[in-house]
N, C-alpha and C. Protein backbone atom coordinates (compact mmCIF):
# COMPACT_ATOMS: atom_id res chain seq x y z
N MET A 1 0.79 -1.39 0.54
CA MET A 1 -0.44 0.07 0.10
C MET A 1 1.63 1.59 -0.08
N LYS A 2 2.49 1.00 0.18
CA LYS A 2 3.57 2.92 0.61
C LYS A 2 2.83 2.46 -0.49
N ASP A 3 3.57 1.65 -1.13
CA ASP A 3 3.56 1.53 -3.10
C ASP A 3 2.68 2.88 -3.46
N ASP A 4 1.85 2.16 -3.94
CA ASP A 4 0.31 3.06 -4.16
C ASP A 4 0.37 4.20 -3.87
N ARG A 5 0.70 4.44 -2.42
CA ARG A 5 0.52 5.70 -1.91
C ARG A 5 1.51 6.77 -3.22
N ILE A 6 2.26 6.36 -2.74
CA ILE A 6 3.48 7.20 -3.97
C ILE A 6 3.19 7.50 -5.68
N TYR A 7 2.72 5.80 -5.96
CA TYR A 7 2.22 6.56 -6.84
C TYR A 7 0.85 7.63 -7.26
N LEU A 8 -0.02 7.47 -6.27
CA LEU A 8 -1.39 7.84 -5.86
C LEU A 8 -0.88 9.68 -6.03
N GLU A 9 0.00 9.43 -5.20
CA GLU A 9 0.50 11.06 -4.81
C GLU A 9 0.85 11.72 -5.78
N HIS A 10 1.86 10.59 -7.43
CA HIS A 10 2.85 11.31 -8.38
C HIS A 10 1.51 11.26 -9.31
N ILE A 11 0.40 10.59 -10.08
CA ILE A 11 -1.13 10.81 -10.58
C ILE A 11 -1.61 13.06 -9.70
N ILE A 12 -1.86 12.67 -8.91
CA ILE A 12 -2.55 13.91 -8.49
C ILE A 12 -1.95 14.75 -9.24
N ASP A 13 -0.09 14.53 -8.62
CA ASP A 13 0.87 16.22 -9.26
C ASP A 13 1.09 16.32 -10.93
N CYS A 14 0.64 15.48 -11.40
CA CYS A 14 0.96 14.95 -13.22
C CYS A 14 -0.19 15.88 -13.02
N ILE A 15 -1.13 16.14 -12.99
CA ILE A 15 -2.87 16.34 -12.48
C ILE A 15 -2.75 18.16 -12.49
N ASP A 16 -1.99 17.39 -11.65
CA ASP A 16 -2.10 19.69 -11.20
C ASP A 16 -1.04 20.74 -12.27
N ARG A 17 0.52 19.44 -11.93
CA ARG A 17 1.07 20.48 -13.57
C ARG A 17 0.34 20.33 -14.52
N ILE A 18 -0.74 19.33 -15.52
CA ILE A 18 -1.33 20.33 -16.18
C ILE A 18 -2.23 20.73 -16.05
N ASN A 19 -2.73 21.42 -15.12
CA ASN A 19 -4.03 21.96 -15.10
C ASN A 19 -2.49 23.33 -14.74
N GLU A 20 -1.65 23.71 -14.15
CA GLU A 20 -0.48 24.91 -14.04
C GLU A 20 -0.24 24.99 -15.89
N TYR A 21 0.30 24.15 -16.33
CA TYR A 21 0.07 24.12 -17.60
C TYR A 21 -0.85 25.08 -18.04
N THR A 22 -1.75 24.32 -18.90
CA THR A 22 -3.01 24.80 -19.57
C THR A 22 -3.38 26.06 -19.22
N GLN A 23 -3.75 26.52 -17.95
CA GLN A 23 -4.16 27.31 -17.14
C GLN A 23 -5.74 27.15 -17.50
N ASN A 24 -6.26 26.08 -17.26
CA ASN A 24 -7.72 25.33 -17.48
C ASN A 24 -7.70 26.07 -18.71
N ASP A 25 -7.41 26.26 -19.88
CA ASP A 25 -7.75 27.20 -21.24
C ASP A 25 -7.42 26.64 -22.65
N ARG A 26 -8.34 25.54 -23.60
CA ARG A 26 -8.57 25.35 -24.52
C ARG A 26 -6.91 26.01 -24.84
N PHE A 27 -7.40 26.89 -25.62
CA PHE A 27 -6.68 28.67 -26.25
C PHE A 27 -5.06 28.30 -26.05
N VAL A 28 -4.73 28.56 -24.86
CA VAL A 28 -3.30 28.20 -24.22
C VAL A 28 -2.73 25.93 -25.10
N PHE A 29 -3.42 25.74 -24.40
CA PHE A 29 -3.40 24.39 -25.20
C PHE A 29 -3.42 24.29 -26.11
N MET A 30 -4.38 25.10 -27.29
CA MET A 30 -4.34 24.44 -28.27
C MET A 30 -3.24 25.43 -29.33
N ASN A 31 -2.35 26.54 -28.84
CA ASN A 31 -1.83 27.16 -29.05
C ASN A 31 -0.32 27.63 -28.83
N SER A 32 -0.02 26.20 -28.07
CA SER A 32 1.04 26.26 -28.27
C SER A 32 2.34 24.54 -28.19
N PRO A 33 2.96 24.73 -28.66
CA PRO A 33 3.33 23.72 -29.05
C PRO A 33 4.83 23.14 -27.93
N LEU A 34 4.90 24.31 -26.75
CA LEU A 34 5.12 23.57 -25.37
C LEU A 34 4.61 23.69 -24.74
N VAL A 35 3.34 23.34 -24.33
CA VAL A 35 2.54 23.47 -23.02
C VAL A 35 2.08 22.04 -23.91
N GLN A 36 2.05 21.94 -25.30
CA GLN A 36 1.59 20.74 -25.66
C GLN A 36 2.11 20.12 -25.38
N ASP A 37 3.61 19.55 -25.44
CA ASP A 37 4.57 18.74 -25.04
C ASP A 37 4.75 18.31 -22.93
N ALA A 38 4.79 19.47 -23.21
CA ALA A 38 4.99 19.51 -21.30
C ALA A 38 3.58 18.46 -21.26
N VAL A 39 3.26 18.75 -21.69
CA VAL A 39 0.76 17.75 -21.17
C VAL A 39 1.28 16.60 -21.50
N ILE A 40 1.28 16.02 -22.79
CA ILE A 40 1.66 15.30 -22.84
C ILE A 40 2.44 13.81 -22.51
N ARG A 41 3.68 14.52 -20.86
CA ARG A 41 4.08 13.78 -20.86
C ARG A 41 3.82 13.17 -19.55
N ASN A 42 3.31 14.43 -18.92
CA ASN A 42 2.46 13.99 -17.71
C ASN A 42 2.36 13.54 -17.60
N LEU A 43 0.92 13.24 -18.83
CA LEU A 43 -0.52 12.76 -19.72
C LEU A 43 0.78 11.18 -19.69
N GLN A 44 1.54 10.52 -20.43
CA GLN A 44 2.13 9.70 -20.24
C GLN A 44 2.86 8.91 -18.79
N THR A 45 2.77 10.11 -18.08
CA THR A 45 3.90 9.46 -16.83
C THR A 45 2.35 9.62 -15.96
N LEU A 46 1.26 9.83 -16.49
CA LEU A 46 0.51 9.49 -15.27
C LEU A 46 -0.39 7.88 -15.29
N SER A 47 -0.62 7.92 -16.57
CA SER A 47 -1.05 6.71 -17.26
C SER A 47 0.06 5.39 -16.46
N GLU A 48 1.80 6.15 -17.04
CA GLU A 48 2.33 4.64 -16.59
C GLU A 48 2.17 4.71 -15.11
N SER A 49 2.11 5.40 -14.30
CA SER A 49 2.24 5.58 -13.28
C SER A 49 0.63 4.01 -12.94
N THR A 50 -0.39 4.27 -13.67
CA THR A 50 -1.66 3.59 -12.93
C THR A 50 -1.27 2.72 -12.55
N GLN A 51 -0.44 1.69 -13.66
CA GLN A 51 -0.48 0.26 -13.81
C GLN A 51 0.78 0.06 -13.05
N LYS A 52 1.38 1.50 -12.22
CA LYS A 52 1.94 0.52 -10.83
C LYS A 52 1.82 0.39 -9.62
N LEU A 53 0.77 0.21 -9.81
CA LEU A 53 -1.12 0.76 -8.83
C LEU A 53 -0.82 -0.64 -8.35
N SER A 54 -0.93 -1.24 -7.13
CA SER A 54 -1.68 -2.56 -6.99
C SER A 54 -2.98 -2.85 -7.41
N ALA A 55 -3.01 -4.82 -7.41
CA ALA A 55 -4.67 -4.77 -8.19
C ALA A 55 -5.29 -5.18 -6.78
N GLU A 56 -5.10 -5.27 -5.63
CA GLU A 56 -6.33 -5.18 -4.82
C GLU A 56 -6.16 -3.67 -4.53
N LEU A 57 -6.02 -2.73 -4.92
CA LEU A 57 -6.24 -1.29 -5.15
C LEU A 57 -7.61 -0.96 -5.83
N THR A 58 -6.67 -1.36 -7.51
CA THR A 58 -7.66 -0.97 -8.09
C THR A 58 -9.29 -2.02 -8.21
N ALA A 59 -9.02 -3.58 -8.23
CA ALA A 59 -9.85 -3.86 -7.86
C ALA A 59 -11.20 -3.46 -7.02
N GLN A 60 -10.97 -2.97 -5.79
CA GLN A 60 -11.59 -2.03 -4.46
C GLN A 60 -11.97 -0.56 -4.81
N HIS A 61 -10.76 0.21 -6.57
CA HIS A 61 -11.89 1.60 -6.67
C HIS A 61 -12.61 1.38 -7.97
N PRO A 62 -13.75 -0.02 -8.82
CA PRO A 62 -13.06 0.52 -10.06
C PRO A 62 -14.66 1.42 -10.61
N GLU A 63 -15.07 1.83 -9.91
CA GLU A 63 -15.09 3.37 -10.16
C GLU A 63 -13.98 4.50 -10.83
N ILE A 64 -12.56 4.18 -11.10
CA ILE A 64 -12.22 4.47 -11.63
C ILE A 64 -11.46 4.06 -13.51
N THR A 65 -11.64 4.60 -14.29
CA THR A 65 -11.42 3.45 -15.44
C THR A 65 -9.29 3.05 -15.18
N TRP A 66 -9.58 2.12 -14.62
CA TRP A 66 -7.59 2.53 -14.41
C TRP A 66 -7.01 2.03 -16.09
N LYS A 67 -8.12 0.12 -16.67
CA LYS A 67 -7.38 0.14 -17.51
C LYS A 67 -7.69 0.80 -18.96
N ALA A 68 -8.27 1.91 -19.08
CA ALA A 68 -8.83 3.30 -20.13
C ALA A 68 -7.65 4.04 -20.15
N ILE A 69 -7.44 4.23 -18.84
CA ILE A 69 -5.96 5.29 -18.40
C ILE A 69 -4.92 4.56 -19.31
N SER A 70 -4.71 3.17 -18.34
CA SER A 70 -2.94 2.62 -18.28
C SER A 70 -2.64 2.35 -19.95
N GLY A 71 -4.58 1.91 -21.10
CA GLY A 71 -3.73 1.78 -22.40
C GLY A 71 -4.06 3.39 -23.83
N PHE A 72 -4.34 4.41 -22.12
CA PHE A 72 -3.99 5.96 -23.21
C PHE A 72 -3.10 5.79 -22.84
N ARG A 73 -1.46 5.82 -22.01
CA ARG A 73 -0.62 5.93 -22.64
C ARG A 73 0.10 5.25 -23.53
N ASN A 74 -0.94 4.40 -23.74
CA ASN A 74 0.46 3.40 -25.18
C ASN A 74 0.07 4.42 -26.51
N ILE A 75 -1.57 4.82 -26.73
CA ILE A 75 -2.05 5.65 -27.58
C ILE A 75 -0.91 6.76 -27.80
N LEU A 76 -0.55 7.64 -26.69
CA LEU A 76 0.07 8.79 -26.55
C LEU A 76 1.56 8.28 -27.20
N VAL A 77 2.51 7.63 -26.41
CA VAL A 77 3.49 7.16 -26.60
C VAL A 77 3.97 6.19 -28.10
N HIS A 78 2.69 5.40 -28.69
CA HIS A 78 2.47 5.10 -29.97
C HIS A 78 2.48 5.94 -31.27
N ASN A 79 1.34 6.59 -30.57
CA ASN A 79 0.41 6.83 -32.15
C ASN A 79 1.02 8.90 -32.54
N TYR A 80 2.57 8.57 -31.58
CA TYR A 80 2.99 10.02 -31.33
C TYR A 80 2.52 11.43 -32.41
N LEU A 81 2.75 10.49 -33.76
CA LEU A 81 2.77 11.69 -34.98
C LEU A 81 0.96 11.60 -35.91
N GLY A 82 0.12 10.78 -34.71
CA GLY A 82 -0.84 11.54 -34.71
C GLY A 82 -1.71 11.70 -33.94
N LEU A 83 -1.97 12.31 -32.90
CA LEU A 83 -2.60 12.30 -31.48
C LEU A 83 -3.48 13.39 -32.70
N ASP A 84 -4.61 13.49 -31.56
CA ASP A 84 -6.02 14.19 -32.14
C ASP A 84 -5.42 15.83 -30.91
N LEU A 85 -4.86 16.96 -31.18
CA LEU A 85 -4.68 18.06 -29.52
C LEU A 85 -6.27 17.72 -29.29
N PRO A 86 -7.07 18.42 -30.10
CA PRO A 86 -8.96 18.45 -29.37
C PRO A 86 -9.25 16.90 -28.63
N GLU A 87 -9.61 15.51 -28.72
CA GLU A 87 -9.32 15.00 -28.01
C GLU A 87 -8.27 14.52 -26.74
N ILE A 88 -7.06 15.03 -27.05
CA ILE A 88 -6.21 15.29 -26.16
C ILE A 88 -6.55 16.55 -24.68
N TRP A 89 -7.26 17.14 -24.95
CA TRP A 89 -7.93 18.14 -24.49
C TRP A 89 -9.99 18.27 -23.70
N ALA A 90 -10.27 17.33 -24.08
CA ALA A 90 -11.11 16.33 -23.79
C ALA A 90 -10.64 15.28 -22.49
N VAL A 91 -10.19 15.36 -23.13
CA VAL A 91 -9.34 14.18 -21.78
C VAL A 91 -8.83 15.84 -20.69
N ILE A 92 -8.15 16.12 -21.16
CA ILE A 92 -7.56 17.35 -20.03
C ILE A 92 -9.18 17.72 -18.68
N GLU A 93 -10.02 18.27 -20.08
CA GLU A 93 -10.98 18.64 -19.55
C GLU A 93 -12.39 17.59 -18.97
N ASN A 94 -12.42 16.71 -19.84
CA ASN A 94 -13.29 16.37 -18.90
C ASN A 94 -13.35 15.02 -17.77
N ARG A 95 -12.04 13.83 -18.72
CA ARG A 95 -12.18 13.75 -17.16
C ARG A 95 -11.10 13.28 -16.47
N LEU A 96 -9.95 15.02 -16.06
CA LEU A 96 -9.20 14.67 -15.00
C LEU A 96 -9.12 15.14 -14.27
N PRO A 97 -10.80 16.26 -14.02
CA PRO A 97 -11.39 16.92 -13.35
C PRO A 97 -11.75 15.15 -12.25
N GLN A 98 -12.60 14.79 -13.22
CA GLN A 98 -13.15 14.43 -11.61
C GLN A 98 -12.57 12.93 -10.68
N LEU A 99 -11.19 12.34 -11.76
CA LEU A 99 -10.16 11.57 -11.26
C LEU A 99 -9.47 12.08 -9.96
N ARG A 100 -8.97 13.75 -10.43
CA ARG A 100 -8.38 14.02 -9.14
C ARG A 100 -9.10 14.61 -8.03
N GLY A 101 -10.51 14.93 -8.82
CA GLY A 101 -11.60 14.15 -7.15
C GLY A 101 -11.89 12.92 -6.75
N ASN A 102 -11.35 12.65 -6.77
CA ASN A 102 -11.44 10.54 -6.67
C ASN A 102 -10.20 9.73 -5.68
N LEU A 103 -8.67 10.94 -5.74
CA LEU A 103 -7.92 10.20 -5.85
C LEU A 103 -7.24 10.90 -4.32
N PRO A 104 -7.57 12.15 -3.62
CA PRO A 104 -7.35 12.35 -2.68
C PRO A 104 -7.38 11.56 -1.79
N LYS A 105 -9.25 11.09 -1.97
CA LYS A 105 -9.84 8.82 -0.82
C LYS A 105 -9.13 8.31 -0.27
N LEU A 106 -8.12 8.14 -2.26
CA LEU A 106 -7.20 6.83 -2.01
C LEU A 106 -6.14 7.03 -1.10
N VAL A 107 -5.65 7.83 -1.14
CA VAL A 107 -4.22 8.24 -1.01
C VAL A 107 -4.11 8.37 1.21
């Protein structure tokens, strides 16, 4: 469980960085390759961190789509030439706030 806490805190940090980099503003994200690179890197790291969580923790919290988050990493890493920025923004805007809200309860 100690390792889970480290990874959960890391996921929270990644989400907070994404929010800081984008300023929760689609225009900022869509118009800055620097911000896009930083956000994509943090999404990769966040997704990889979910793969390190224990099976016990993920089983106890089926309300979080762990497999989808983990699978998103593969899209980001292997489809880097075909990334859909509006789709990534939709994840930032629609998925990350809920995930961020759920994680402190798990730490």
